[in-house]
Protein backbone atom coordinates (compact mmCIF):
# COMPACT_ATOMS: atom_id res chain seq x y z
CA MET A 1 93.48 91.72 100.92
CA ALA A 2 95.04 95.40 101.96
CA ARG A 3 92.97 98.52 101.30
CA LYS A 4 94.62 101.05 99.11
CA ALA A 5 95.59 104.30 99.52
CA GLY A 6 93.45 107.45 98.53
CA THR A 7 90.00 106.86 98.82
CA PRO A 8 88.39 107.67 101.89
CA VAL A 9 87.79 104.67 104.62
CA GLN A 10 84.47 104.65 107.29
CA PRO A 11 85.70 104.53 111.19
CA VAL A 12 84.65 101.31 113.37
CA ALA A 13 82.78 102.13 115.93
CA GLY A 14 83.80 101.26 119.95
CA GLU A 15 87.51 103.05 119.68
CA PRO A 16 88.78 103.77 123.28
CA GLY A 17 87.84 106.86 124.60
CA GLU A 18 84.79 107.53 122.40
CA THR A 19 80.87 106.85 122.59
CA ALA A 20 78.86 104.92 119.97
CA GLY A 21 76.93 108.42 119.31
CA ASP A 22 80.14 110.29 118.83
CA VAL A 23 81.27 107.68 116.29
CA HIS A 24 78.05 106.96 114.37
CA HIS A 25 78.02 110.62 114.08
CA ALA A 26 81.82 110.76 113.18
CA ALA A 27 80.34 107.53 110.44
CA SER A 28 77.84 109.91 108.99
CA LEU A 29 79.88 112.90 108.35
CA ASN A 30 83.03 110.90 106.59
CA ALA A 31 80.07 109.09 104.47
CA TYR A 32 79.30 112.50 103.30
CA GLY A 33 82.56 113.83 103.18
CA SER A 34 83.69 110.67 101.26
CA TYR A 35 81.09 111.31 98.94
CA LEU A 36 82.20 114.64 98.07
CA PHE A 37 85.69 113.50 97.68
CA GLY A 38 84.89 111.10 95.05
CA GLN A 39 83.00 113.68 93.13
CA GLY A 40 86.23 116.12 93.76
CA ARG A 41 84.92 118.51 95.83
CA TRP A 42 88.00 118.54 98.14
CA GLU A 43 88.09 121.04 100.51
CA GLU A 44 83.92 120.67 101.08
CA ALA A 45 85.27 116.78 101.74
CA ARG A 46 87.30 117.93 104.35
CA SER A 47 85.51 120.10 106.52
CA PHE A 48 83.33 116.94 106.74
CA PHE A 49 86.21 115.33 107.90
CA VAL A 50 87.40 118.03 110.55
CA LYS A 51 83.81 117.76 111.85
CA ALA A 52 84.06 114.35 111.82
CA ALA A 53 87.52 114.43 113.65
CA ARG A 54 86.31 116.42 116.47
CA GLU A 55 83.53 114.18 117.08
CA ALA A 56 86.36 111.19 116.97
CA PRO A 57 89.73 112.50 117.36
CA ASP A 58 90.92 108.85 117.79
CA ASP A 59 89.51 107.43 115.25
CA PRO A 60 92.26 106.35 113.14
CA ALA A 61 90.25 105.86 109.89
CA THR A 62 88.50 109.32 110.82
CA ARG A 63 92.06 110.89 111.03
CA LYS A 64 93.58 108.68 107.68
CA ASN A 65 90.24 110.42 105.33
CA LEU A 66 90.99 113.87 106.96
CA GLY A 67 94.85 113.61 106.08
CA ILE A 68 94.01 112.27 102.38
CA ALA A 69 91.58 115.35 101.71
CA SER A 70 94.23 117.61 103.41
CA SER A 71 97.18 116.48 100.68
CA ALA A 72 94.32 116.88 97.99
CA CYS A 73 93.84 120.53 98.95
CA GLY A 74 97.51 121.20 99.49
CA LEU A 75 97.93 121.14 103.25
CA ASN A 76 100.78 118.85 103.19
CA ASP A 77 101.77 119.90 106.39
CA GLU A 78 99.10 119.08 108.17
CA ALA A 79 98.71 115.64 105.83
CA ILE A 80 102.16 114.79 107.02
CA GLU A 81 102.11 115.06 110.82
CA ILE A 82 98.56 112.96 110.32
CA PHE A 83 99.81 110.58 108.71
CA ALA A 84 103.60 110.31 110.71
CA GLU A 85 101.18 109.60 113.74
CA LEU A 86 98.62 107.14 112.25
CA VAL A 87 101.92 105.14 110.94
CA ALA A 88 103.72 105.58 114.71
CA GLN A 89 100.64 104.12 115.86
CA SER A 90 100.06 101.22 113.34
CA PRO A 91 103.49 100.19 111.85
CA GLN A 92 102.40 96.98 110.47
CA ASP A 93 99.59 98.37 108.12
CA ALA A 94 101.04 98.06 104.62
CA SER A 95 98.13 100.71 103.75
CA LEU A 96 99.30 103.60 106.01
CA HIS A 97 102.91 103.63 104.22
CA ASN A 98 101.37 103.77 100.81
CA ALA A 99 98.75 106.39 101.83
CA TYR A 100 102.05 108.35 103.72
CA GLY A 101 104.09 107.71 100.79
CA LEU A 102 101.45 109.18 98.67
CA VAL A 103 100.99 112.37 101.18
CA LEU A 104 104.99 112.67 100.95
CA HIS A 105 104.94 112.29 97.06
CA ARG A 106 102.38 115.17 96.61
CA ALA A 107 104.90 117.19 98.67
CA GLY A 108 108.08 116.63 96.44
CA ARG A 109 109.45 114.93 99.48
CA LEU A 110 109.94 111.78 97.13
CA GLU A 111 113.13 110.03 98.91
CA GLU A 112 110.92 110.02 102.13
CA ALA A 113 108.14 108.71 99.74
CA GLU A 114 110.13 106.34 98.41
CA ALA A 115 111.02 104.69 101.72
CA GLU A 116 107.46 104.08 102.58
CA PHE A 117 106.44 102.26 99.61
CA THR A 118 109.44 100.15 100.20
CA ARG A 119 107.99 99.61 103.24
CA ALA A 120 104.59 98.82 102.02
CA THR A 121 105.37 95.97 99.62
CA GLU A 122 107.37 94.58 102.08
CA LEU A 123 104.82 94.11 104.51
CA ALA A 124 101.87 93.31 101.52
CA PRO A 125 103.94 92.30 97.87
CA ALA A 126 101.22 90.63 96.87
CA GLU A 127 99.46 94.24 96.31
CA TYR A 128 100.31 95.17 93.09
CA ILE A 129 99.25 99.26 93.70
CA TYR A 130 102.05 99.52 96.28
CA TRP A 131 105.08 98.44 93.32
CA HIS A 132 103.19 100.77 91.08
CA HIS A 133 103.49 103.51 93.20
CA LYS A 134 106.60 102.53 94.29
CA GLY A 135 108.04 102.36 90.38
CA THR A 136 106.31 106.11 89.28
CA ASN A 137 107.75 107.58 92.67
CA ALA A 138 111.01 105.94 90.90
CA LEU A 139 109.72 107.65 87.64
CA ALA A 140 110.09 111.09 89.62
CA ARG A 141 113.41 110.74 91.22
CA ASP A 142 114.79 109.87 87.35
CA ASN A 143 115.33 106.39 88.16
CA PRO A 144 114.27 104.50 85.22
CA SER A 145 116.03 100.88 86.76
CA ALA A 146 114.31 101.10 89.73
CA ALA A 147 110.96 101.79 87.69
CA VAL A 148 111.18 98.89 85.81
CA ALA A 149 111.60 96.72 88.96
CA ALA A 150 108.79 97.74 90.41
CA LEU A 151 106.39 98.35 87.51
CA ALA A 152 107.17 94.82 86.30
CA ARG A 153 106.46 93.02 89.99
CA ALA A 154 103.17 95.46 89.72
CA VAL A 155 102.16 94.21 86.47
CA ALA A 156 102.51 90.32 87.55
CA LEU A 157 100.33 90.58 90.19
CA PRO A 158 96.39 90.26 89.65
CA GLY A 159 94.41 93.48 88.86
CA ALA A 160 97.13 95.89 87.25
CA PRO A 161 95.50 98.48 85.70
CA ALA A 162 96.71 99.81 81.83
CA VAL A 163 98.38 102.79 83.96
CA SER A 164 100.83 100.29 85.38
CA TYR A 165 101.41 99.21 81.72
CA TYR A 166 101.89 102.33 80.35
CA ASN A 167 104.28 103.45 82.73
CA LEU A 168 105.97 100.68 83.05
CA ALA A 169 106.57 101.03 78.85
CA MET A 170 107.85 104.72 79.43
CA ALA A 171 110.57 103.19 82.06
CA LEU A 172 111.90 100.97 79.59
CA GLY A 173 111.45 103.52 76.98
CA ALA A 174 114.03 105.53 79.26
CA GLU A 175 116.41 102.80 79.62
CA GLY A 176 116.42 102.43 76.12
CA GLU A 177 114.56 99.58 75.82
CA THR A 178 112.16 100.60 72.96
CA GLU A 179 111.15 96.98 71.67
CA ARG A 180 110.39 96.03 75.53
CA ALA A 181 108.54 99.10 76.04
CA THR A 182 106.12 99.44 72.76
CA MET A 183 104.97 95.89 73.61
CA PHE A 184 103.99 97.34 76.73
CA LEU A 185 102.34 100.26 75.28
CA GLN A 186 100.64 98.04 73.26
CA LYS A 187 99.07 96.23 76.48
CA ALA A 188 98.16 99.42 77.98
CA VAL A 189 96.03 100.18 74.66
CA SER A 190 94.41 96.75 74.94
CA LEU A 191 93.59 97.40 78.24
CA ARG A 192 91.81 100.33 77.31
CA SER A 193 90.56 99.57 73.80
CA ASP A 194 87.94 102.76 74.03
CA ASP A 195 90.64 105.21 75.36
CA ALA A 196 91.49 107.48 72.20
CA ASP A 197 93.74 109.90 74.57
CA LEU A 198 95.76 106.73 75.13
CA LEU A 199 95.77 105.43 71.70
CA VAL A 200 96.96 108.67 70.21
CA ARG A 201 99.39 109.29 73.08
CA ALA A 202 101.12 106.26 72.96
CA ALA A 203 100.86 105.59 68.92
CA ARG A 204 102.71 109.33 69.14
CA ILE A 205 105.15 107.63 71.40
CA MET A 206 105.93 105.01 69.31
CA ASP A 207 106.83 106.58 66.48
CA GLN A 208 109.34 108.95 67.87
CA TRP A 209 110.81 105.83 68.85
CA GLY A 210 111.37 104.46 65.79
CA ARG A 211 107.78 101.93 66.16
CA HIS A 212 106.41 103.48 63.12
CA ALA A 213 104.40 100.64 61.63
CA THR A 214 103.47 99.66 64.98
CA ALA A 215 101.94 102.75 65.43
CA ILE A 216 100.03 102.47 62.65
CA GLU A 217 98.53 99.50 63.09
CA CYS A 218 97.38 100.32 66.34
CA LEU A 219 95.47 102.95 65.18
CA ARG A 220 94.20 101.07 62.03
CA SER A 221 93.25 98.91 64.80
CA TYR A 222 90.48 101.21 66.58
CA VAL A 223 89.03 102.27 63.11
CA ARG A 224 88.50 98.85 61.99
CA SER A 225 86.59 98.03 65.63
CA GLY A 226 84.03 100.93 64.40
CA ARG A 227 85.30 103.53 66.61
CA ARG A 228 85.94 106.97 64.92
CA ASP A 229 87.71 110.00 66.82
CA ALA A 230 89.11 112.88 64.82
CA ARG A 231 91.99 112.85 66.62
CA VAL A 232 92.65 108.98 65.88
CA ASP A 233 91.95 109.78 62.35
CA GLU A 234 94.11 112.86 62.38
CA LEU A 235 97.17 110.86 63.02
CA LEU A 236 96.41 108.31 61.04
CA ASP A 237 96.37 110.21 58.01
CA GLU A 238 99.54 111.91 59.57
CA LEU A 239 101.42 108.83 59.72
CA LEU A 240 100.48 107.49 56.43
CA GLY A 241 101.68 110.20 54.83
CA GLN A 242 104.99 109.80 56.06
CA GLU A 243 105.25 106.54 54.23
């Protein structure tokens, strides 16, 4: 399975031009940088990836880590330069095209990002995450029909999370297909049954689409399950008061 973008990776020992010691030290720096990145401490993580890149400047995994962290820190030009080089070196690596697409998307270069996501889906069509990113990029470009097509592919593949169903619902809603959109919103809520924030957001959208009864039933199902949340109770009272 192709590696999913957005998560720092570890360098591989024995790359040309690097001694084992260099790469092993880089691996340690990468490991701690990855830990910091996972904590949301992006600038600190980047400082460790910079050190790792000094130890193993030709290691692709180290360069990828630095590019991901640079993008997270808003250093878009640096991140784009790194990924442009990596993709040129490994043009058949779907995960690199996907990661490059994310970097371009975050930098606001949406059309270029779309091309990278498309290439990722061509190289690895069984990876839902690539279709998901292609779909969310289409939403950002105000192209709901393209978003529907891509996100429908995402949810048809194993592992698609609630956010894929939610975004598909948003794309369908933008196309005016609120009945189908509501079904996918319900699916998103069912996959995250403990997420009161998602439930409240989804129920409000359903109500705006004229699916008043469905919104109420989703909220009631949450309450019947024994879970309680003040936001759910408040919205349920509000919607019941409109009947």
